[in-house]
Amino acid sequence: MTSYLKPPKSLLRKVGRAIADYDMIRDGDRILLGVSGGKDSLSLLHILGHLQSYAPVKFDLGVLTIDPEVEGFDPHSLTEYYTRIGVPWHYAEQPIMEQAKQNMDGDSFCAYCSRMKRGIMYSTCRKEGYNVLALAQHLDDLAESLLMSIFHGGQLRTMKANYTNREGDVRIIRPLAYARENQMADFANSAKLPVIPDSCPACFSMPTQRESMKQLLAQLEGENKHLFANMLHAMRPLLEEKL
């Protein structure tokens, strides 16, 4: 029997609304959640686990943690936690940092690592029979991605809330699309979730475009408390998959 913690109602409402608005979870879905060990993915684990107990649709939930074998980052402790709360788990190890040194070509380590992890997630879904991959990016992440796309790519783009991969065999969902980062931080702290700090030390060791966008948004929100609500309203069409 699983023993998930109950997240605050304010967080559950935002996740529930996003799931409903974008038809993220359907009856019979088998969902694999990518858990890095950070506050966001661990919070989403308990949110989805709690929703499982009363949602009008029935779905299975499993988790996958990928160890990129980066010095200073060891997520092995999570497997004991998964066993304790009773969620089916999968674990993958791959020397992504070393591979990046040999194979990166004009790309950032973060982008290379993200692609490698996504490939592992897709292959695990296929091997273990999951049709949905859940990722833990939240509204702050979506807003940062929008600004990065505008400033550095000249496009109006951000991460989608629900879409199907290129091969057509895995749906990717982001149930935290309406939730704020501080909500996950508050929940993880109050629930004493086993967060692994700085889950990617290689990325945290150098300034990134995303960190610059985060600082800019924090400054602007100090001047306009409705900033993220307005940005979400503007981004809604971008979150949908174009059929």
Protein backbone atom coordinates (compact mmCIF):
# COMPACT_ATOMS: atom_id res chain seq x y z
CA MET A 1 0.00 0.00 0.00
CA THR A 2 1.34 3.42 -0.94
CA SER A 3 1.72 6.18 1.66
CA TYR A 4 1.77 9.51 -0.13
CA LEU A 5 1.69 12.81 1.70
CA LYS A 6 -1.22 15.20 1.12
CA PRO A 7 -0.12 18.42 -0.60
CA PRO A 8 -1.83 21.72 0.28
CA LYS A 9 -5.18 22.40 -1.37
CA SER A 10 -3.87 25.50 -3.15
CA LEU A 11 -1.29 23.36 -4.96
CA LEU A 12 -3.72 20.53 -5.70
CA ARG A 13 -6.20 23.00 -7.21
CA LYS A 14 -3.64 24.39 -9.65
CA VAL A 15 -2.46 20.95 -10.69
CA GLY A 16 -6.01 19.66 -11.01
CA ARG A 17 -6.99 22.62 -13.18
CA ALA A 18 -3.98 22.19 -15.48
CA ILE A 19 -4.65 18.46 -15.85
CA ALA A 20 -8.29 19.15 -16.74
CA ASP A 21 -7.56 22.08 -19.09
CA TYR A 22 -5.08 20.07 -21.16
CA ASP A 23 -6.57 16.59 -20.77
CA MET A 24 -3.31 15.30 -19.33
CA ILE A 25 -4.44 12.13 -17.55
CA ARG A 26 -6.82 9.66 -19.13
CA ASP A 27 -8.42 6.46 -17.92
CA GLY A 28 -5.98 3.57 -18.05
CA ASP A 29 -2.85 5.68 -18.46
CA ARG A 30 0.42 4.28 -17.18
CA ILE A 31 2.45 7.30 -16.10
CA LEU A 32 6.21 7.34 -15.60
CA LEU A 33 7.37 10.35 -13.58
CA GLY A 34 10.93 11.57 -13.99
CA VAL A 35 12.30 12.29 -10.51
CA SER A 36 15.67 14.02 -10.28
CA GLY A 37 15.58 14.35 -6.52
CA GLY A 38 14.79 18.05 -6.61
CA LYS A 39 11.91 19.72 -4.80
CA ASP A 40 9.73 19.96 -7.90
CA SER A 41 9.78 16.34 -9.02
CA LEU A 42 9.47 14.99 -5.47
CA SER A 43 6.51 17.30 -4.86
CA LEU A 44 4.88 16.13 -8.09
CA LEU A 45 5.36 12.52 -7.00
CA HIS A 46 3.19 13.10 -3.94
CA ILE A 47 0.69 15.23 -5.86
CA LEU A 48 0.10 12.53 -8.47
CA GLY A 49 0.13 9.80 -5.83
CA HIS A 50 -2.51 11.68 -3.84
CA LEU A 51 -4.65 12.30 -6.94
CA GLN A 52 -4.53 8.59 -7.69
CA SER A 53 -6.65 7.92 -4.61
CA TYR A 54 -9.67 9.99 -5.68
CA ALA A 55 -9.33 10.98 -9.35
CA PRO A 56 -12.34 10.06 -11.53
CA VAL A 57 -9.96 8.25 -13.91
CA LYS A 58 -7.79 5.30 -12.97
CA PHE A 59 -4.07 5.44 -13.77
CA ASP A 60 -0.86 3.71 -12.77
CA LEU A 61 2.17 5.61 -11.52
CA GLY A 62 5.84 4.71 -11.51
CA VAL A 63 9.03 6.76 -11.15
CA LEU A 64 12.36 6.87 -12.92
CA THR A 65 15.54 8.41 -11.54
CA ILE A 66 18.53 8.85 -13.82
CA ASP A 67 22.02 9.11 -12.35
CA PRO A 68 24.19 11.06 -14.84
CA GLU A 69 27.25 10.07 -12.78
CA VAL A 70 28.22 13.68 -12.13
CA GLU A 71 30.64 14.23 -9.27
CA GLY A 72 28.84 15.42 -6.14
CA PHE A 73 25.42 14.08 -7.15
CA ASP A 74 24.28 10.71 -5.82
CA PRO A 75 20.53 9.93 -6.02
CA HIS A 76 20.83 6.32 -4.82
CA SER A 77 19.17 7.22 -1.51
CA LEU A 78 15.90 7.85 -3.36
CA THR A 79 15.38 4.16 -4.11
CA GLU A 80 14.93 3.40 -0.41
CA TYR A 81 12.44 6.26 -0.18
CA TYR A 82 10.46 4.95 -3.16
CA THR A 83 10.30 1.51 -1.60
CA ARG A 84 9.16 2.97 1.71
CA ILE A 85 6.25 4.90 0.21
CA GLY A 86 5.38 1.98 -2.06
CA VAL A 87 5.76 3.42 -5.56
CA PRO A 88 7.17 1.25 -8.37
CA TRP A 89 10.55 2.65 -9.35
CA HIS A 90 13.17 2.38 -12.07
CA TYR A 91 16.78 3.52 -11.87
CA ALA A 92 19.23 4.20 -14.69
CA GLU A 93 22.90 5.14 -14.65
CA GLN A 94 24.83 6.65 -17.53
CA PRO A 95 28.11 8.64 -17.53
CA ILE A 96 26.55 11.63 -19.28
CA MET A 97 29.24 14.09 -18.18
CA GLU A 98 32.03 11.99 -19.65
CA GLN A 99 30.05 11.33 -22.81
CA ALA A 100 29.39 15.06 -23.17
CA LYS A 101 33.11 15.82 -23.13
CA GLN A 102 33.59 13.52 -26.09
CA ASN A 103 30.40 14.11 -28.07
CA MET A 104 29.27 17.70 -27.48
CA ASP A 105 29.52 19.86 -30.57
CA GLY A 106 28.76 23.53 -29.96
CA ASP A 107 26.10 22.69 -27.38
CA SER A 108 25.78 23.36 -23.67
CA PHE A 109 26.17 20.55 -21.17
CA CYS A 110 22.64 21.21 -19.90
CA ALA A 111 21.15 20.77 -23.38
CA TYR A 112 23.20 17.63 -24.04
CA CYS A 113 22.29 16.14 -20.66
CA SER A 114 18.61 16.91 -21.22
CA ARG A 115 18.61 15.09 -24.56
CA MET A 116 20.37 12.06 -23.12
CA LYS A 117 17.99 11.88 -20.17
CA ARG A 118 14.97 12.23 -22.44
CA GLY A 119 16.21 9.30 -24.52
CA ILE A 120 16.55 7.15 -21.39
CA MET A 121 13.06 8.16 -20.27
CA TYR A 122 11.52 7.23 -23.63
CA SER A 123 13.31 3.89 -23.75
CA THR A 124 12.19 3.09 -20.19
CA CYS A 125 8.59 3.95 -21.08
CA ARG A 126 8.73 1.59 -24.04
CA LYS A 127 10.44 -1.21 -22.17
CA GLU A 128 8.19 -1.04 -19.10
CA GLY A 129 4.90 -0.29 -20.85
CA TYR A 130 4.30 3.34 -19.83
CA ASN A 131 2.40 5.48 -22.34
CA VAL A 132 2.80 8.82 -20.50
CA LEU A 133 5.92 10.60 -19.27
CA ALA A 134 5.32 13.22 -16.55
CA LEU A 135 7.85 16.03 -16.08
CA ALA A 136 7.99 18.52 -13.24
CA GLN A 137 8.51 21.89 -14.93
CA HIS A 138 6.33 24.59 -13.33
CA LEU A 139 5.01 28.01 -14.34
CA ASP A 140 8.31 29.72 -13.47
CA ASP A 141 10.13 27.33 -15.83
CA LEU A 142 7.62 27.99 -18.62
CA ALA A 143 7.95 31.76 -18.21
CA GLU A 144 11.75 31.53 -18.26
CA SER A 145 11.63 29.37 -21.39
CA LEU A 146 9.36 31.89 -23.11
CA LEU A 147 11.77 34.76 -22.45
CA MET A 148 14.76 32.67 -23.53
CA SER A 149 12.96 31.82 -26.78
CA ILE A 150 12.11 35.46 -27.45
CA PHE A 151 15.47 36.96 -26.46
CA HIS A 152 17.80 34.30 -27.86
CA GLY A 153 15.76 32.52 -30.53
CA GLY A 154 13.47 35.20 -31.90
CA GLN A 155 10.44 32.95 -31.45
CA LEU A 156 7.31 32.76 -29.29
CA ARG A 157 7.78 29.31 -27.77
CA THR A 158 7.74 27.59 -24.41
CA MET A 159 7.36 24.06 -23.07
CA LYS A 160 4.02 22.42 -23.87
CA ALA A 161 1.65 21.13 -21.21
CA ASN A 162 0.63 17.96 -23.09
CA TYR A 163 2.04 16.66 -26.35
CA THR A 164 3.08 13.45 -28.10
CA ASN A 165 6.69 12.67 -28.95
CA ARG A 166 7.94 12.48 -32.52
CA GLU A 167 7.60 8.70 -32.65
CA GLY A 168 3.97 8.95 -31.51
CA ASP A 169 4.23 6.36 -28.75
CA VAL A 170 4.71 8.48 -25.59
CA ARG A 171 2.70 11.46 -24.37
CA ILE A 172 4.58 14.05 -22.32
CA ILE A 173 2.69 15.99 -19.66
CA ARG A 174 3.59 18.83 -17.28
CA PRO A 175 1.00 18.83 -14.48
CA LEU A 176 2.76 21.70 -12.65
CA ALA A 177 2.23 24.11 -15.57
CA TYR A 178 0.03 26.42 -13.44
CA ALA A 179 1.95 26.03 -10.17
CA ARG A 180 4.66 28.35 -8.89
CA GLU A 181 8.13 27.24 -7.86
CA ASN A 182 7.73 28.63 -4.34
CA GLN A 183 4.71 26.37 -3.81
CA MET A 184 6.88 23.31 -4.37
CA ALA A 185 9.61 24.73 -2.16
CA ASP A 186 7.13 25.33 0.67
CA PHE A 187 5.60 21.86 0.34
CA ALA A 188 8.96 20.08 0.13
CA ASN A 189 10.18 21.96 3.18
CA SER A 190 7.07 21.42 5.32
CA ALA A 191 6.77 17.75 4.32
CA LYS A 192 10.52 17.18 4.81
CA LEU A 193 10.88 15.55 1.43
CA PRO A 194 14.32 13.95 0.83
CA VAL A 195 15.46 16.65 -1.58
CA ILE A 196 18.91 16.26 -3.12
CA PRO A 197 20.29 19.82 -3.32
CA ASP A 198 21.56 21.17 -6.64
CA SER A 199 20.61 18.05 -8.54
CA CYS A 200 22.92 19.01 -11.41
CA PRO A 201 26.14 20.47 -9.98
CA ALA A 202 27.68 20.84 -13.45
CA CYS A 203 24.93 23.28 -14.38
CA PHE A 204 24.90 25.11 -11.07
CA SER A 205 28.63 25.77 -11.32
CA MET A 206 28.23 28.33 -14.11
CA PRO A 207 25.79 31.14 -14.94
CA THR A 208 23.12 30.17 -17.47
CA GLN A 209 20.63 31.96 -19.68
CA ARG A 210 17.85 30.44 -17.58
CA GLU A 211 19.29 31.86 -14.36
CA SER A 212 19.41 35.30 -15.95
CA MET A 213 15.75 35.00 -16.94
CA LYS A 214 14.88 33.87 -13.40
CA GLN A 215 16.53 36.95 -11.92
CA LEU A 216 14.84 39.25 -14.43
CA LEU A 217 11.41 37.78 -13.69
CA ALA A 218 11.97 38.08 -9.95
CA GLN A 219 12.80 41.75 -10.37
CA LEU A 220 9.76 42.38 -12.56
CA GLU A 221 7.43 40.49 -10.23
CA GLY A 222 8.55 42.78 -7.43
CA GLU A 223 7.11 45.63 -9.48
CA ASN A 224 4.01 43.77 -10.73
CA LYS A 225 2.42 41.11 -8.52
CA HIS A 226 0.23 39.94 -11.44
CA LEU A 227 3.22 39.23 -13.69
CA PHE A 228 3.01 35.43 -13.74
CA ALA A 229 -0.79 35.37 -14.00
CA ASN A 230 -0.52 37.66 -17.02
CA MET A 231 2.26 35.57 -18.55
CA LEU A 232 0.24 32.39 -18.08
CA HIS A 233 -2.73 34.01 -19.84
CA ALA A 234 -0.46 34.98 -22.74
CA MET A 235 1.19 31.54 -22.90
CA ARG A 236 -1.97 29.42 -22.90
CA PRO A 237 -2.09 28.98 -26.70
CA LEU A 238 1.60 28.00 -26.67
CA LEU A 239 1.00 25.20 -24.16
CA GLU A 240 -1.30 23.31 -26.49
CA GLU A 241 -0.14 20.73 -29.02
CA LYS A 242 -0.83 21.85 -32.57
CA LEU A 243 -2.59 19.02 -34.37
